[in-house]
N, C-alpha and C. Protein backbone atom coordinates (compact mmCIF):
# COMPACT_ATOMS: atom_id res chain seq x y z
N MET A 1 4.52 126.78 19.23
CA MET A 1 5.65 126.24 18.46
C MET A 1 5.98 124.69 18.98
N ASN A 2 6.44 123.94 18.13
CA ASN A 2 6.74 122.55 18.25
C ASN A 2 7.96 122.53 19.16
N PRO A 3 7.77 121.73 20.34
CA PRO A 3 8.86 121.54 21.28
C PRO A 3 10.10 120.83 20.71
N PHE A 4 9.85 119.89 19.76
CA PHE A 4 10.93 119.21 19.12
C PHE A 4 11.76 120.10 18.36
N VAL A 5 11.33 121.22 17.83
CA VAL A 5 12.06 122.12 17.03
C VAL A 5 13.04 122.87 17.93
N PHE A 6 12.43 123.27 19.09
CA PHE A 6 13.18 123.95 20.06
C PHE A 6 14.43 122.98 20.65
N SER A 7 14.14 121.67 20.94
CA SER A 7 15.27 120.94 21.35
C SER A 7 16.29 120.64 20.28
N ALA A 8 15.88 120.47 18.95
CA ALA A 8 16.78 120.33 17.95
C ALA A 8 17.68 121.58 17.80
N ALA A 9 17.06 122.79 17.89
CA ALA A 9 17.84 124.03 17.80
C ALA A 9 18.80 124.11 18.85
N ARG A 10 18.48 123.68 20.19
CA ARG A 10 19.47 123.84 21.29
C ARG A 10 20.67 122.99 20.97
N ARG A 11 20.47 121.82 20.44
CA ARG A 11 21.68 120.90 20.13
C ARG A 11 22.55 121.54 19.04
N ALA A 12 22.04 122.18 18.09
CA ALA A 12 22.71 122.70 17.00
C ALA A 12 23.49 123.92 17.12
N VAL A 13 23.03 124.73 18.14
CA VAL A 13 23.46 126.12 18.32
C VAL A 13 24.18 126.19 19.66
N PRO A 14 25.32 126.93 19.62
CA PRO A 14 26.22 127.18 20.94
C PRO A 14 25.28 127.66 22.08
N ARG A 15 25.58 127.28 23.33
CA ARG A 15 24.74 127.49 24.48
C ARG A 15 24.49 128.99 24.64
N PRO A 16 25.38 129.97 24.61
CA PRO A 16 25.03 131.39 24.83
C PRO A 16 24.08 131.90 23.89
N PHE A 17 24.22 131.50 22.56
CA PHE A 17 23.25 131.93 21.67
C PHE A 17 21.90 131.37 21.88
N THR A 18 21.86 130.14 22.26
CA THR A 18 20.47 129.38 22.63
C THR A 18 19.93 130.23 23.74
N THR A 19 20.45 130.79 24.75
CA THR A 19 19.89 131.49 25.76
C THR A 19 19.26 132.74 25.29
N VAL A 20 20.03 133.52 24.54
CA VAL A 20 19.51 134.86 23.98
C VAL A 20 18.27 134.47 22.87
N LEU A 21 18.29 133.42 22.16
CA LEU A 21 17.27 133.02 21.34
C LEU A 21 15.97 132.73 22.09
N SER A 22 16.24 132.09 23.22
CA SER A 22 15.11 131.77 24.14
C SER A 22 14.49 132.95 24.64
N ILE A 23 15.27 133.86 25.09
CA ILE A 23 14.72 135.17 25.63
C ILE A 23 13.88 135.88 24.55
N ILE A 24 14.50 135.91 23.31
CA ILE A 24 13.87 136.75 22.18
C ILE A 24 12.55 136.09 21.85
N LEU A 25 12.49 134.66 21.72
CA LEU A 25 11.32 133.98 21.40
C LEU A 25 10.27 134.12 22.50
N ALA A 26 10.68 134.02 23.80
CA ALA A 26 9.76 134.18 24.93
C ALA A 26 9.08 135.70 24.75
N ALA A 27 9.88 136.73 24.70
CA ALA A 27 9.38 137.99 24.55
C ALA A 27 8.39 138.14 23.32
N ALA A 28 8.73 137.53 22.23
CA ALA A 28 7.86 137.62 20.96
C ALA A 28 6.54 136.89 21.28
N LEU A 29 6.65 135.75 22.01
CA LEU A 29 5.37 134.97 22.35
C LEU A 29 4.54 135.90 23.36
N LEU A 30 5.14 136.55 24.26
CA LEU A 30 4.46 137.41 25.20
C LEU A 30 3.82 138.54 24.50
N ALA A 31 4.33 139.08 23.44
CA ALA A 31 3.94 140.37 22.71
C ALA A 31 2.70 139.90 21.92
N CYS A 32 2.60 138.70 21.44
CA CYS A 32 1.54 138.20 20.79
C CYS A 32 0.42 137.60 21.58
N THR A 33 0.62 137.45 22.80
CA THR A 33 -0.46 136.96 23.71
C THR A 33 -1.31 138.04 24.46
N PRO A 34 -2.66 138.15 24.25
CA PRO A 34 -3.51 139.10 24.72
C PRO A 34 -3.36 139.07 26.37
N ALA A 35 -3.32 140.24 26.83
CA ALA A 35 -3.35 140.32 28.36
C ALA A 35 -4.58 140.12 28.91
N TYR A 36 -4.47 139.17 29.91
CA TYR A 36 -5.70 138.78 30.73
C TYR A 36 -5.35 139.22 32.16
N ASP A 37 -6.06 140.35 32.54
CA ASP A 37 -6.01 140.76 33.99
C ASP A 37 -7.22 140.55 34.71
N TRP A 38 -7.36 139.08 35.16
CA TRP A 38 -8.60 138.69 35.64
C TRP A 38 -8.90 139.43 36.98
N ARG A 39 -10.16 139.84 37.05
CA ARG A 39 -10.67 140.54 38.34
C ARG A 39 -12.11 139.95 38.52
N THR A 40 -12.42 139.54 39.78
CA THR A 40 -13.69 139.26 40.15
C THR A 40 -14.60 140.43 40.45
N ILE A 41 -15.74 140.48 39.76
CA ILE A 41 -16.84 141.39 39.93
C ILE A 41 -17.98 140.88 40.55
N GLN A 42 -18.51 141.58 41.53
CA GLN A 42 -19.66 141.11 42.19
C GLN A 42 -20.81 142.22 41.79
N ASN A 43 -21.83 141.68 41.13
CA ASN A 43 -22.87 142.53 40.80
C ASN A 43 -24.02 142.25 41.55
N ASN A 44 -24.25 143.16 42.61
CA ASN A 44 -25.28 142.97 43.57
C ASN A 44 -26.65 143.19 43.06
N ASP A 45 -26.68 144.23 42.15
CA ASP A 45 -27.92 144.55 41.60
C ASP A 45 -28.60 143.44 40.77
N ASP A 46 -27.75 142.68 40.01
CA ASP A 46 -28.22 141.59 39.14
C ASP A 46 -27.94 140.25 39.80
N ALA A 47 -27.40 140.10 41.01
CA ALA A 47 -27.32 138.99 41.77
C ALA A 47 -26.33 137.97 41.11
N TYR A 48 -25.23 138.41 40.79
CA TYR A 48 -24.24 137.43 40.17
C TYR A 48 -22.72 137.78 40.52
N GLU A 49 -21.67 136.90 40.30
CA GLU A 49 -20.37 137.12 40.47
C GLU A 49 -19.60 136.56 39.33
N ILE A 50 -18.60 137.10 38.77
CA ILE A 50 -17.99 136.66 37.62
C ILE A 50 -16.52 137.12 37.59
N THR A 51 -15.64 136.62 36.92
CA THR A 51 -14.20 137.07 36.81
C THR A 51 -14.08 137.53 35.37
N PHE A 52 -13.75 138.82 35.10
CA PHE A 52 -13.60 139.34 33.80
C PHE A 52 -12.06 139.52 33.58
N PRO A 53 -11.67 139.48 32.22
CA PRO A 53 -10.29 139.48 31.94
C PRO A 53 -9.77 140.88 31.83
N SER A 54 -10.64 142.00 31.97
CA SER A 54 -10.21 143.36 32.14
C SER A 54 -11.33 144.13 32.87
N LYS A 55 -11.18 145.26 32.98
CA LYS A 55 -12.09 146.20 33.68
C LYS A 55 -13.43 146.30 32.93
N PRO A 56 -14.54 145.87 33.35
CA PRO A 56 -15.76 145.83 32.51
C PRO A 56 -16.25 147.37 32.49
N ARG A 57 -17.13 147.32 31.36
CA ARG A 57 -18.07 148.57 31.28
C ARG A 57 -19.47 148.07 31.31
N SER A 58 -20.37 149.03 31.77
CA SER A 58 -21.76 148.63 31.86
C SER A 58 -22.56 149.37 30.88
N ASP A 59 -23.67 148.81 30.43
CA ASP A 59 -24.68 149.55 29.50
C ASP A 59 -26.10 148.82 29.94
N ALA A 60 -26.99 149.50 29.59
CA ALA A 60 -28.39 149.01 29.75
C ALA A 60 -29.32 149.61 28.73
N ARG A 61 -30.45 148.82 28.46
CA ARG A 61 -31.43 149.28 27.49
C ARG A 61 -32.66 148.45 27.65
N ASP A 62 -33.81 149.02 27.02
CA ASP A 62 -35.09 148.34 27.05
C ASP A 62 -35.02 147.37 25.75
N ILE A 63 -35.56 146.19 25.89
CA ILE A 63 -35.71 145.15 24.80
C ILE A 63 -37.18 144.75 24.75
N GLU A 64 -37.63 144.31 23.57
CA GLU A 64 -39.03 143.75 23.53
C GLU A 64 -39.00 142.21 23.26
N ILE A 65 -39.60 141.54 24.16
CA ILE A 65 -39.69 140.00 23.82
C ILE A 65 -41.22 139.69 23.94
N ASN A 66 -41.66 139.11 23.00
CA ASN A 66 -43.03 138.61 22.79
C ASN A 66 -43.85 139.79 23.13
N GLY A 67 -43.57 140.94 22.66
CA GLY A 67 -44.44 142.15 22.80
C GLY A 67 -44.43 142.75 24.04
N GLN A 68 -43.57 142.32 25.09
CA GLN A 68 -43.32 142.83 26.29
C GLN A 68 -42.09 143.52 26.54
N LYS A 69 -42.08 144.84 26.92
CA LYS A 69 -40.79 145.46 27.25
C LYS A 69 -40.08 144.95 28.40
N MET A 70 -38.85 144.72 28.44
CA MET A 70 -38.04 144.37 29.49
C MET A 70 -36.75 145.00 29.52
N HIS A 71 -36.16 145.15 30.70
CA HIS A 71 -35.09 145.88 30.88
C HIS A 71 -33.83 144.95 30.76
N MET A 72 -32.71 145.15 30.01
CA MET A 72 -31.52 144.36 30.05
C MET A 72 -30.39 145.20 30.49
N SER A 73 -29.63 144.69 31.28
CA SER A 73 -28.21 145.29 31.66
C SER A 73 -27.19 144.45 31.15
N MET A 74 -26.06 145.04 30.82
CA MET A 74 -24.92 144.40 30.34
C MET A 74 -23.56 144.85 30.87
N GLN A 75 -22.63 143.96 31.17
CA GLN A 75 -21.31 144.21 31.52
C GLN A 75 -20.37 143.57 30.51
N THR A 76 -19.49 144.28 29.99
CA THR A 76 -18.74 143.75 28.94
C THR A 76 -17.11 144.07 29.21
N ALA A 77 -16.16 143.28 28.87
CA ALA A 77 -14.87 143.52 29.04
C ALA A 77 -14.11 142.92 27.83
N GLU A 78 -13.11 143.46 27.28
CA GLU A 78 -12.21 143.04 26.13
C GLU A 78 -10.92 142.51 26.49
N ALA A 79 -10.50 141.46 25.79
CA ALA A 79 -9.22 140.99 25.94
C ALA A 79 -8.84 140.47 24.58
N GLY A 80 -7.69 140.84 23.99
CA GLY A 80 -7.28 140.34 22.55
C GLY A 80 -8.45 140.68 21.71
N ASP A 81 -8.82 139.66 20.93
CA ASP A 81 -9.79 139.76 19.94
C ASP A 81 -11.26 139.50 20.42
N ALA A 82 -11.43 139.21 21.62
CA ALA A 82 -12.59 138.72 22.30
C ALA A 82 -13.36 139.74 23.11
N VAL A 83 -14.60 139.55 23.12
CA VAL A 83 -15.46 140.45 24.14
C VAL A 83 -16.12 139.40 25.07
N PHE A 84 -15.98 139.65 26.38
CA PHE A 84 -16.66 138.90 27.38
C PHE A 84 -17.65 139.74 27.88
N ALA A 85 -18.97 139.07 27.98
CA ALA A 85 -20.01 139.76 28.44
C ALA A 85 -21.11 138.86 29.23
N VAL A 86 -21.77 139.73 30.21
CA VAL A 86 -22.85 139.10 31.02
C VAL A 86 -24.01 140.05 30.82
N GLY A 87 -25.18 139.46 30.30
CA GLY A 87 -26.35 140.31 30.14
C GLY A 87 -27.48 139.81 31.26
N THR A 88 -28.17 140.58 31.80
CA THR A 88 -29.18 140.27 32.68
C THR A 88 -30.46 140.95 32.16
N VAL A 89 -31.56 140.00 31.85
CA VAL A 89 -32.81 140.51 31.44
C VAL A 89 -33.79 140.43 32.81
N ASP A 90 -34.34 141.71 33.13
CA ASP A 90 -35.28 141.68 34.27
C ASP A 90 -36.67 141.27 33.56
N LEU A 91 -37.27 140.22 34.13
CA LEU A 91 -38.60 139.55 33.58
C LEU A 91 -39.68 140.23 34.30
N PRO A 92 -40.92 140.30 33.72
CA PRO A 92 -41.98 140.84 34.42
C PRO A 92 -42.51 139.77 35.49
N ASN A 93 -42.16 138.58 35.16
CA ASN A 93 -42.59 137.51 36.21
C ASN A 93 -41.62 136.41 36.22
N ALA A 94 -41.63 135.35 36.99
CA ALA A 94 -40.77 134.31 36.96
C ALA A 94 -41.37 132.93 36.58
N ASP A 95 -42.42 133.12 35.70
CA ASP A 95 -43.13 131.82 35.19
C ASP A 95 -42.25 131.22 34.11
N GLY A 96 -42.49 129.85 33.85
CA GLY A 96 -41.68 129.18 32.94
C GLY A 96 -41.76 129.68 31.37
N PRO A 97 -42.92 130.00 30.89
CA PRO A 97 -43.12 130.42 29.61
C PRO A 97 -42.32 131.78 29.42
N THR A 98 -42.37 132.75 30.40
CA THR A 98 -41.76 134.00 30.26
C THR A 98 -40.17 133.74 30.07
N ARG A 99 -39.71 132.91 31.18
CA ARG A 99 -38.31 132.57 31.09
C ARG A 99 -37.94 131.99 29.68
N ARG A 100 -38.61 130.99 29.27
CA ARG A 100 -38.31 130.31 28.09
C ARG A 100 -38.19 131.17 26.79
N ALA A 101 -39.21 132.18 26.70
CA ALA A 101 -39.30 133.16 25.73
C ALA A 101 -37.98 133.98 25.80
N ALA A 102 -37.65 134.44 26.91
CA ALA A 102 -36.39 135.36 27.09
C ALA A 102 -35.21 134.70 26.66
N ILE A 103 -35.00 133.39 27.03
CA ILE A 103 -33.93 132.58 26.63
C ILE A 103 -33.86 132.32 25.11
N ASP A 104 -35.03 131.96 24.66
CA ASP A 104 -34.96 131.78 23.11
C ASP A 104 -34.65 133.00 22.47
N PHE A 105 -35.23 134.11 22.92
CA PHE A 105 -34.90 135.51 22.22
C PHE A 105 -33.47 135.73 22.22
N LEU A 106 -32.70 135.55 23.43
CA LEU A 106 -31.37 135.74 23.38
C LEU A 106 -30.51 134.87 22.66
N GLN A 107 -30.71 133.53 22.45
CA GLN A 107 -30.06 132.62 21.78
C GLN A 107 -30.26 132.84 20.24
N ARG A 108 -31.56 133.30 19.87
CA ARG A 108 -31.81 133.56 18.40
C ARG A 108 -31.07 134.82 18.07
N GLY A 109 -30.95 135.85 18.89
CA GLY A 109 -30.30 137.09 18.68
C GLY A 109 -28.89 136.99 18.46
N LEU A 110 -28.18 136.17 19.38
CA LEU A 110 -26.76 135.96 19.16
C LEU A 110 -26.48 135.27 17.99
N ALA A 111 -27.22 134.19 17.63
CA ALA A 111 -27.04 133.32 16.41
C ALA A 111 -27.27 134.20 15.10
N HIS A 112 -28.29 134.97 15.26
CA HIS A 112 -28.66 135.75 13.93
C HIS A 112 -27.45 136.67 13.63
N ASN A 113 -26.87 137.14 14.58
CA ASN A 113 -25.61 138.14 14.32
C ASN A 113 -24.67 137.42 13.43
N LEU A 114 -24.54 136.05 13.31
CA LEU A 114 -23.57 135.42 12.60
C LEU A 114 -24.36 134.56 11.49
N ASN A 115 -25.50 134.93 11.22
CA ASN A 115 -26.33 134.22 10.27
C ASN A 115 -26.31 132.73 10.48
N ALA A 116 -26.60 132.43 11.76
CA ALA A 116 -26.48 130.88 12.17
C ALA A 116 -27.80 130.61 12.89
N THR A 117 -27.87 129.27 13.15
CA THR A 117 -28.93 128.86 13.87
C THR A 117 -28.60 128.18 15.14
N PRO A 118 -29.04 128.63 16.33
CA PRO A 118 -28.42 128.20 17.71
C PRO A 118 -28.99 126.68 17.92
N VAL A 119 -28.07 125.89 18.43
CA VAL A 119 -28.59 124.43 19.01
C VAL A 119 -28.02 124.39 20.32
N ALA A 120 -28.89 124.38 21.24
CA ALA A 120 -28.54 124.43 22.69
C ALA A 120 -28.26 123.04 23.22
N SER A 121 -27.33 123.06 24.19
CA SER A 121 -27.08 121.84 24.81
C SER A 121 -27.03 122.20 26.41
N PRO A 122 -27.40 121.15 27.30
CA PRO A 122 -27.56 121.36 28.60
C PRO A 122 -26.15 121.74 29.27
N VAL A 123 -26.22 122.59 30.37
CA VAL A 123 -25.03 122.94 31.09
C VAL A 123 -25.41 123.29 32.51
N GLN A 124 -24.61 123.01 33.46
CA GLN A 124 -24.81 123.33 34.89
C GLN A 124 -24.31 124.72 35.27
N ILE A 125 -25.00 125.57 35.97
CA ILE A 125 -24.54 126.87 36.46
C ILE A 125 -24.50 126.86 37.95
N GLU A 126 -23.31 127.44 38.55
CA GLU A 126 -23.05 127.37 39.90
C GLU A 126 -24.03 128.33 40.60
N VAL A 127 -24.45 127.97 41.78
CA VAL A 127 -24.96 129.01 42.66
C VAL A 127 -24.10 129.22 43.88
N ALA A 128 -23.90 130.46 44.17
CA ALA A 128 -22.75 130.78 45.21
C ALA A 128 -23.10 130.15 46.46
N ALA A 129 -24.37 130.02 46.91
CA ALA A 129 -24.78 129.31 48.19
C ALA A 129 -24.70 127.94 48.15
N GLY A 130 -24.27 127.33 46.92
CA GLY A 130 -24.13 125.74 46.80
C GLY A 130 -25.12 125.28 45.86
N GLY A 131 -24.78 124.20 45.15
CA GLY A 131 -25.77 123.69 44.23
C GLY A 131 -25.64 124.21 42.90
N GLN A 132 -26.42 123.74 41.83
CA GLN A 132 -26.32 124.14 40.48
C GLN A 132 -27.75 124.25 39.93
N LEU A 133 -27.82 125.16 38.90
CA LEU A 133 -29.20 125.33 38.22
C LEU A 133 -28.90 124.80 36.74
N ALA A 134 -29.91 124.22 36.23
CA ALA A 134 -29.83 123.88 34.75
C ALA A 134 -29.99 125.04 33.81
N GLY A 135 -28.95 125.02 32.98
CA GLY A 135 -28.78 126.16 32.11
C GLY A 135 -28.63 125.50 30.63
N GLU A 136 -28.41 126.31 29.70
CA GLU A 136 -28.17 126.04 28.23
C GLU A 136 -27.00 126.70 27.68
N GLU A 137 -26.30 125.94 26.76
CA GLU A 137 -25.06 126.51 26.12
C GLU A 137 -25.26 126.47 24.57
N ILE A 138 -24.84 127.54 23.86
CA ILE A 138 -24.66 127.42 22.49
C ILE A 138 -23.28 127.84 22.04
N ASN A 139 -22.90 127.25 20.98
CA ASN A 139 -21.54 127.62 20.31
C ASN A 139 -21.83 127.71 18.81
N VAL A 140 -21.71 128.91 18.27
CA VAL A 140 -22.01 129.19 16.83
C VAL A 140 -20.68 129.86 16.26
N LYS A 141 -20.57 129.53 15.00
CA LYS A 141 -19.62 130.26 14.16
C LYS A 141 -20.35 130.69 12.87
N GLY A 142 -19.82 131.76 12.41
CA GLY A 142 -20.49 132.23 11.12
C GLY A 142 -19.94 133.63 10.68
N LEU A 143 -20.61 134.09 9.78
CA LEU A 143 -20.19 135.37 9.02
C LEU A 143 -20.94 136.54 9.53
N SER A 144 -20.49 137.72 10.09
CA SER A 144 -21.25 138.74 10.50
C SER A 144 -21.00 139.90 9.52
N ASN A 145 -22.07 140.57 9.41
CA ASN A 145 -21.94 141.82 8.46
C ASN A 145 -21.70 143.04 9.27
N GLY A 146 -20.77 143.74 8.90
CA GLY A 146 -20.54 145.04 9.61
C GLY A 146 -20.27 146.21 8.54
N ALA A 147 -20.66 147.38 8.92
CA ALA A 147 -20.63 148.54 8.10
C ALA A 147 -19.19 149.01 8.06
N SER A 148 -18.63 149.33 6.98
CA SER A 148 -17.38 149.96 6.76
C SER A 148 -17.45 151.21 5.84
N ALA A 149 -16.31 152.03 5.69
CA ALA A 149 -16.41 153.26 4.90
C ALA A 149 -16.78 152.84 3.51
N ASP A 150 -16.46 151.64 3.00
CA ASP A 150 -16.72 151.28 1.58
C ASP A 150 -17.84 150.47 1.47
N GLY A 151 -18.77 150.33 2.41
CA GLY A 151 -20.01 149.48 2.27
C GLY A 151 -19.92 148.26 3.32
N GLU A 152 -20.58 147.33 2.92
CA GLU A 152 -20.63 146.20 3.99
C GLU A 152 -19.39 145.31 3.83
N LYS A 153 -18.98 144.77 4.79
CA LYS A 153 -18.01 143.80 4.85
C LYS A 153 -18.32 142.57 5.78
N THR A 154 -17.79 141.41 5.41
CA THR A 154 -18.11 140.22 5.98
C THR A 154 -17.03 139.82 6.80
N GLU A 155 -17.24 139.34 8.15
CA GLU A 155 -16.13 138.86 9.00
C GLU A 155 -16.65 137.71 9.70
N SER A 156 -15.70 136.65 9.79
CA SER A 156 -15.97 135.48 10.58
C SER A 156 -15.79 135.64 12.14
N HIS A 157 -16.92 135.06 12.79
CA HIS A 157 -16.73 135.20 14.16
C HIS A 157 -17.29 133.91 14.93
N GLU A 158 -16.97 133.86 16.22
CA GLU A 158 -17.39 132.68 16.92
C GLU A 158 -18.07 133.25 18.22
N ILE A 159 -19.13 132.56 18.61
CA ILE A 159 -19.77 132.99 19.84
C ILE A 159 -20.07 131.65 20.74
N SER A 160 -19.50 131.78 21.98
CA SER A 160 -19.78 130.67 23.01
C SER A 160 -20.64 131.33 24.10
N ALA A 161 -21.79 130.83 24.38
CA ALA A 161 -22.68 131.56 25.38
C ALA A 161 -23.38 130.51 26.29
N ARG A 162 -23.75 130.82 27.37
CA ARG A 162 -24.55 130.06 28.32
C ARG A 162 -25.70 131.03 28.94
N PHE A 163 -26.78 130.26 29.06
CA PHE A 163 -28.09 130.91 29.36
C PHE A 163 -28.58 130.26 30.61
N VAL A 164 -29.15 131.06 31.60
CA VAL A 164 -29.88 130.37 32.70
C VAL A 164 -30.81 131.38 33.33
N ALA A 165 -31.89 130.93 33.79
CA ALA A 165 -32.92 131.75 34.59
C ALA A 165 -32.91 131.38 35.95
N LYS A 166 -32.98 132.50 36.79
CA LYS A 166 -33.15 132.39 38.27
C LYS A 166 -34.02 133.53 38.82
N GLY A 167 -35.17 133.23 39.42
CA GLY A 167 -36.11 134.08 39.80
C GLY A 167 -36.70 134.95 38.67
N PRO A 168 -36.71 136.33 38.91
CA PRO A 168 -37.30 137.03 37.58
C PRO A 168 -36.11 137.54 36.80
N HIS A 169 -35.05 136.82 36.53
CA HIS A 169 -34.00 137.21 35.67
C HIS A 169 -33.70 135.99 34.84
N VAL A 170 -33.17 136.47 33.55
CA VAL A 170 -32.47 135.59 32.77
C VAL A 170 -31.07 136.22 32.46
N TYR A 171 -30.13 135.15 32.48
CA TYR A 171 -28.74 135.63 32.33
C TYR A 171 -28.17 135.02 31.01
N GLN A 172 -27.46 135.96 30.34
CA GLN A 172 -26.60 135.47 29.24
C GLN A 172 -25.10 135.67 29.43
N VAL A 173 -24.30 134.71 29.43
CA VAL A 173 -22.86 134.88 29.63
C VAL A 173 -22.33 134.51 28.23
N ALA A 174 -21.57 135.33 27.89
CA ALA A 174 -20.99 135.05 26.24
C ALA A 174 -19.54 135.63 26.05
N ILE A 175 -18.97 134.89 25.14
CA ILE A 175 -17.65 135.36 24.56
C ILE A 175 -18.03 135.50 23.00
N VAL A 176 -17.62 136.50 22.55
CA VAL A 176 -17.75 136.83 20.98
C VAL A 176 -16.50 137.31 20.62
N SER A 177 -15.95 136.57 19.52
CA SER A 177 -14.58 136.91 18.98
C SER A 177 -14.43 136.48 17.54
N THR A 178 -13.35 136.96 17.01
CA THR A 178 -12.87 136.40 15.65
C THR A 178 -12.38 135.08 15.82
N LYS A 179 -11.81 134.74 17.08
CA LYS A 179 -11.13 133.38 17.26
C LYS A 179 -11.22 133.24 18.79
N LEU A 180 -11.90 132.25 19.24
CA LEU A 180 -12.13 131.98 20.56
C LEU A 180 -10.74 131.98 21.41
N PRO A 181 -10.68 132.69 22.56
CA PRO A 181 -9.48 132.49 23.42
C PRO A 181 -9.01 131.10 23.62
N PRO A 182 -7.92 130.83 24.23
CA PRO A 182 -7.41 129.62 24.51
C PRO A 182 -8.51 128.92 25.51
N PRO A 183 -8.67 127.62 25.41
CA PRO A 183 -9.59 126.86 26.37
C PRO A 183 -9.63 127.27 27.84
N ASP A 184 -8.24 127.42 28.38
CA ASP A 184 -8.18 127.69 29.78
C ASP A 184 -8.76 129.12 30.23
N GLN A 185 -8.71 129.97 29.25
CA GLN A 185 -9.26 131.46 29.46
C GLN A 185 -10.80 131.42 29.28
N VAL A 186 -11.28 130.65 28.31
CA VAL A 186 -12.79 130.41 28.29
C VAL A 186 -13.41 129.76 29.31
N ASP A 187 -12.60 128.68 29.96
CA ASP A 187 -13.11 128.11 31.13
C ASP A 187 -13.04 128.96 32.30
N GLN A 188 -11.96 129.80 32.54
CA GLN A 188 -11.91 130.65 33.47
C GLN A 188 -13.03 131.55 33.58
N PHE A 189 -13.55 132.15 32.47
CA PHE A 189 -14.59 133.05 32.46
C PHE A 189 -15.96 132.28 32.73
N PHE A 190 -16.31 131.31 32.00
CA PHE A 190 -17.53 130.60 32.29
C PHE A 190 -17.57 129.90 33.66
N SER A 191 -16.57 129.25 34.32
CA SER A 191 -16.64 128.62 35.43
C SER A 191 -16.77 129.62 36.72
N SER A 192 -16.28 130.85 36.47
CA SER A 192 -16.37 131.95 37.56
C SER A 192 -17.75 132.37 37.68
N PHE A 193 -18.65 132.29 36.74
CA PHE A 193 -20.04 132.88 36.99
C PHE A 193 -20.80 132.04 38.01
N LYS A 194 -21.26 132.80 39.01
CA LYS A 194 -22.05 132.18 40.06
C LYS A 194 -23.20 133.07 40.40
N LEU A 195 -24.37 132.58 40.67
CA LEU A 195 -25.61 133.35 41.00
C LEU A 195 -25.66 133.24 42.41
N PHE A 196 -26.13 134.51 42.80
CA PHE A 196 -26.42 134.59 44.44
C PHE A 196 -27.86 134.10 44.75
């Protein structure tokens, strides 16, 4: 809401009514705001810490990258229209080409879901013991296809994701939504990710 509209309304309306109106507007705004119940999660198995906006769920599956089977575990949490996720791919080795192949696979996979092409930019990822690692970030918008009772439907989504490799792991930290959460919530999630 425009603050100038509120100040004009306060001058034009008697004081007791303005107070009631303010309470009603505040309650309406709170009802429309998704609840963020931030909690820090330490994943000792995958060697990271992050703050999720709600209690996360875990999943795992095997994926194939360049003809090699690799294990991927995922933690996801929802808030509003957004899914916050951290995925960890266990690599067969920690060499540069294997890491690069896994990062490329993850970036293309996310962007493909929105019929988009990823364009990565550099980003720094915190290490809990101090220092930073070079990572990559993509931001894509596009249309995703989803099955519905009457056939296929198309929906607009946004994905903001970061990728980094450390040791025999590649990490994907992502927010997928129909509309990205407010910048402070996005920053809260990404800046809280730290590798052990």
